[in-house]
Amino acid sequence: MKGRITQDIFEYAVATQERRAERRRPVHKNGQIITARSSSTVMCIVRDISEAGARLRMASTASIPETFLLLIKDENVVVPVERVWSNTHEIGVKFTGPRRSAFC
């Protein structure tokens, strides 16, 4: 278990080596991944966010597609995103369109 955690930390560090244009701020917001098959959703936690993207944490990233809608429940907004990097439990995404009200 400790080896897996160390590997996740290493993969995150490599994936996020200041290639992003904007600095992310740490948050802890409830989110939901909504795939093209709208009946398919995955709960997640938004761990950090910027104007350009976010880092999401979930139980497993195995079934997450390259593009999807991210519902940020705590803000009641939905935004289209594209996966930039991923490891076992986290995905880094960039926002590909404007945020809009989720009406939920």
C-alpha atoms as a PDB file:
ATOM      1  CA  MET A   1       0.000   0.000   0.000  1.00  0.00           C
ATOM      2  CA  LYS A   2       2.748   2.469   0.917  1.00  0.00           C
ATOM      3  CA  GLY A   3       4.475   1.793  -2.418  1.00  0.00           C
ATOM      4  CA  ARG A   4       1.259   2.605  -4.310  1.00  0.00           C
ATOM      5  CA  ILE A   5       0.841   5.901  -2.450  1.00  0.00           C
ATOM      6  CA  THR A   6       4.457   6.813  -3.189  1.00  0.00           C
ATOM      7  CA  GLN A   7       3.927   5.974  -6.873  1.00  0.00           C
ATOM      8  CA  ASP A   8       0.759   8.134  -7.000  1.00  0.00           C
ATOM      9  CA  ILE A   9       2.638  11.074  -5.468  1.00  0.00           C
ATOM     10  CA  PHE A  10       5.510  10.618  -7.936  1.00  0.00           C
ATOM     11  CA  GLU A  11       3.136  10.422 -10.936  1.00  0.00           C
ATOM     12  CA  TYR A  12       1.309  13.548  -9.768  1.00  0.00           C
ATOM     13  CA  ALA A  13       4.573  15.461  -9.299  1.00  0.00           C
ATOM     14  CA  VAL A  14       5.794  14.510 -12.765  1.00  0.00           C
ATOM     15  CA  ALA A  15       2.456  15.315 -14.389  1.00  0.00           C
ATOM     16  CA  THR A  16       2.182  18.739 -12.768  1.00  0.00           C
ATOM     17  CA  GLN A  17       5.725  20.073 -13.115  1.00  0.00           C
ATOM     18  CA  GLU A  18       4.663  23.649 -13.707  1.00  0.00           C
ATOM     19  CA  ARG A  19       3.520  23.192 -17.264  1.00  0.00           C
ATOM     20  CA  ARG A  20       0.273  24.941 -16.508  1.00  0.00           C
ATOM     21  CA  ALA A  21      -0.201  28.593 -17.387  1.00  0.00           C
ATOM     22  CA  GLU A  22      -2.162  29.456 -14.252  1.00  0.00           C
ATOM     23  CA  ARG A  23      -1.582  28.500 -10.646  1.00  0.00           C
ATOM     24  CA  ARG A  24      -4.254  26.302  -9.073  1.00  0.00           C
ATOM     25  CA  ARG A  25      -5.695  26.990  -5.631  1.00  0.00           C
ATOM     26  CA  PRO A  26      -6.474  24.158  -3.206  1.00  0.00           C
ATOM     27  CA  VAL A  27     -10.180  23.416  -2.658  1.00  0.00           C
ATOM     28  CA  HIS A  28     -12.341  20.552  -1.446  1.00  0.00           C
ATOM     29  CA  LYS A  29     -15.545  20.607  -3.491  1.00  0.00           C
ATOM     30  CA  ASN A  30     -18.012  17.877  -4.351  1.00  0.00           C
ATOM     31  CA  GLY A  31     -18.093  17.053  -8.029  1.00  0.00           C
ATOM     32  CA  GLN A  32     -19.610  14.640 -10.480  1.00  0.00           C
ATOM     33  CA  ILE A  33     -18.266  13.426 -13.819  1.00  0.00           C
ATOM     34  CA  ILE A  34     -20.981  13.203 -16.461  1.00  0.00           C
ATOM     35  CA  THR A  35     -20.073  11.211 -19.549  1.00  0.00           C
ATOM     36  CA  ALA A  36     -21.540  11.352 -23.063  1.00  0.00           C
ATOM     37  CA  ARG A  37     -23.754   8.475 -21.968  1.00  0.00           C
ATOM     38  CA  SER A  38     -25.651  10.776 -19.598  1.00  0.00           C
ATOM     39  CA  SER A  39     -26.792   7.827 -17.502  1.00  0.00           C
ATOM     40  CA  SER A  40     -23.161   7.254 -16.507  1.00  0.00           C
ATOM     41  CA  THR A  41     -21.792   9.430 -13.687  1.00  0.00           C
ATOM     42  CA  VAL A  42     -18.854   9.193 -11.277  1.00  0.00           C
ATOM     43  CA  MET A  43     -18.582  11.048  -7.976  1.00  0.00           C
ATOM     44  CA  CYS A  44     -15.344  12.978  -7.417  1.00  0.00           C
ATOM     45  CA  ILE A  45     -13.719  15.628  -5.254  1.00  0.00           C
ATOM     46  CA  VAL A  46     -12.273  18.756  -6.855  1.00  0.00           C
ATOM     47  CA  ARG A  47      -8.914  19.057  -5.041  1.00  0.00           C
ATOM     48  CA  ASP A  48      -7.563  22.178  -6.722  1.00  0.00           C
ATOM     49  CA  ILE A  49      -8.776  24.555  -9.409  1.00  0.00           C
ATOM     50  CA  SER A  50      -7.742  27.493 -11.610  1.00  0.00           C
ATOM     51  CA  GLU A  51      -9.394  29.446 -14.400  1.00  0.00           C
ATOM     52  CA  ALA A  52      -7.967  26.918 -16.882  1.00  0.00           C
ATOM     53  CA  GLY A  53      -8.445  23.536 -15.180  1.00  0.00           C
ATOM     54  CA  ALA A  54      -8.683  21.357 -12.083  1.00  0.00           C
ATOM     55  CA  ARG A  55      -7.415  18.245 -10.312  1.00  0.00           C
ATOM     56  CA  LEU A  56     -10.082  15.650  -9.511  1.00  0.00           C
ATOM     57  CA  ARG A  57      -9.856  12.737  -7.069  1.00  0.00           C
ATOM     58  CA  MET A  58     -12.027   9.615  -7.276  1.00  0.00           C
ATOM     59  CA  ALA A  59     -12.055   5.922  -6.359  1.00  0.00           C
ATOM     60  CA  SER A  60     -10.724   4.858  -9.780  1.00  0.00           C
ATOM     61  CA  THR A  61      -9.914   6.625 -13.038  1.00  0.00           C
ATOM     62  CA  ALA A  62     -10.156   3.457 -15.145  1.00  0.00           C
ATOM     63  CA  SER A  63     -13.518   4.186 -16.779  1.00  0.00           C
ATOM     64  CA  ILE A  64     -13.180   7.957 -17.192  1.00  0.00           C
ATOM     65  CA  PRO A  65     -13.283   9.112 -20.849  1.00  0.00           C
ATOM     66  CA  GLU A  66     -10.974  11.718 -22.434  1.00  0.00           C
ATOM     67  CA  THR A  67     -13.740  14.365 -22.492  1.00  0.00           C
ATOM     68  CA  PHE A  68     -16.719  14.817 -20.187  1.00  0.00           C
ATOM     69  CA  LEU A  69     -18.786  17.351 -18.287  1.00  0.00           C
ATOM     70  CA  LEU A  70     -17.712  18.237 -14.756  1.00  0.00           C
ATOM     71  CA  LEU A  71     -20.493  19.222 -12.381  1.00  0.00           C
ATOM     72  CA  ILE A  72     -19.100  21.229  -9.463  1.00  0.00           C
ATOM     73  CA  LYS A  73     -21.957  20.689  -7.041  1.00  0.00           C
ATOM     74  CA  ASP A  74     -20.807  23.220  -4.427  1.00  0.00           C
ATOM     75  CA  GLU A  75     -20.961  25.980  -7.075  1.00  0.00           C
ATOM     76  CA  ASN A  76     -23.939  24.580  -9.017  1.00  0.00           C
ATOM     77  CA  VAL A  77     -22.028  24.852 -12.309  1.00  0.00           C
ATOM     78  CA  VAL A  78     -21.171  22.465 -15.120  1.00  0.00           C
ATOM     79  CA  VAL A  79     -18.142  22.839 -17.397  1.00  0.00           C
ATOM     80  CA  PRO A  80     -16.865  20.765 -20.336  1.00  0.00           C
ATOM     81  CA  VAL A  81     -13.377  19.354 -19.722  1.00  0.00           C
ATOM     82  CA  GLU A  82     -10.637  17.303 -21.342  1.00  0.00           C
ATOM     83  CA  ARG A  83      -8.313  14.956 -19.464  1.00  0.00           C
ATOM     84  CA  VAL A  84      -4.678  16.107 -19.538  1.00  0.00           C
ATOM     85  CA  TRP A  85      -3.139  13.515 -17.210  1.00  0.00           C
ATOM     86  CA  SER A  86      -4.270  10.764 -14.852  1.00  0.00           C
ATOM     87  CA  ASN A  87      -3.051   8.218 -12.346  1.00  0.00           C
ATOM     88  CA  THR A  88      -4.911   5.590 -10.326  1.00  0.00           C
ATOM     89  CA  HIS A  89      -7.087   7.995  -8.295  1.00  0.00           C
ATOM     90  CA  GLU A  90      -6.644  11.446  -9.838  1.00  0.00           C
ATOM     91  CA  ILE A  91      -7.228  13.237 -13.120  1.00  0.00           C
ATOM     92  CA  GLY A  92      -5.943  16.611 -14.226  1.00  0.00           C
ATOM     93  CA  VAL A  93      -8.367  18.360 -16.591  1.00  0.00           C
ATOM     94  CA  LYS A  94      -8.424  21.517 -18.656  1.00  0.00           C
ATOM     95  CA  PHE A  95     -11.637  23.444 -19.166  1.00  0.00           C
ATOM     96  CA  THR A  96     -12.674  23.392 -22.828  1.00  0.00           C
ATOM     97  CA  GLY A  97     -15.714  25.636 -22.673  1.00  0.00           C
ATOM     98  CA  PRO A  98     -17.524  28.147 -20.487  1.00  0.00           C
ATOM     99  CA  ARG A  99     -19.021  27.343 -17.108  1.00  0.00           C
ATOM    100  CA  ARG A 100     -22.790  27.411 -17.002  1.00  0.00           C
ATOM    101  CA  SER A 101     -25.420  27.037 -14.330  1.00  0.00           C
ATOM    102  CA  ALA A 102     -26.369  23.431 -13.607  1.00  0.00           C
ATOM    103  CA  PHE A 103     -29.860  24.207 -12.209  1.00  0.00           C
ATOM    104  CA  CYS A 104     -29.686  21.379  -9.701  1.00  0.00           C
END
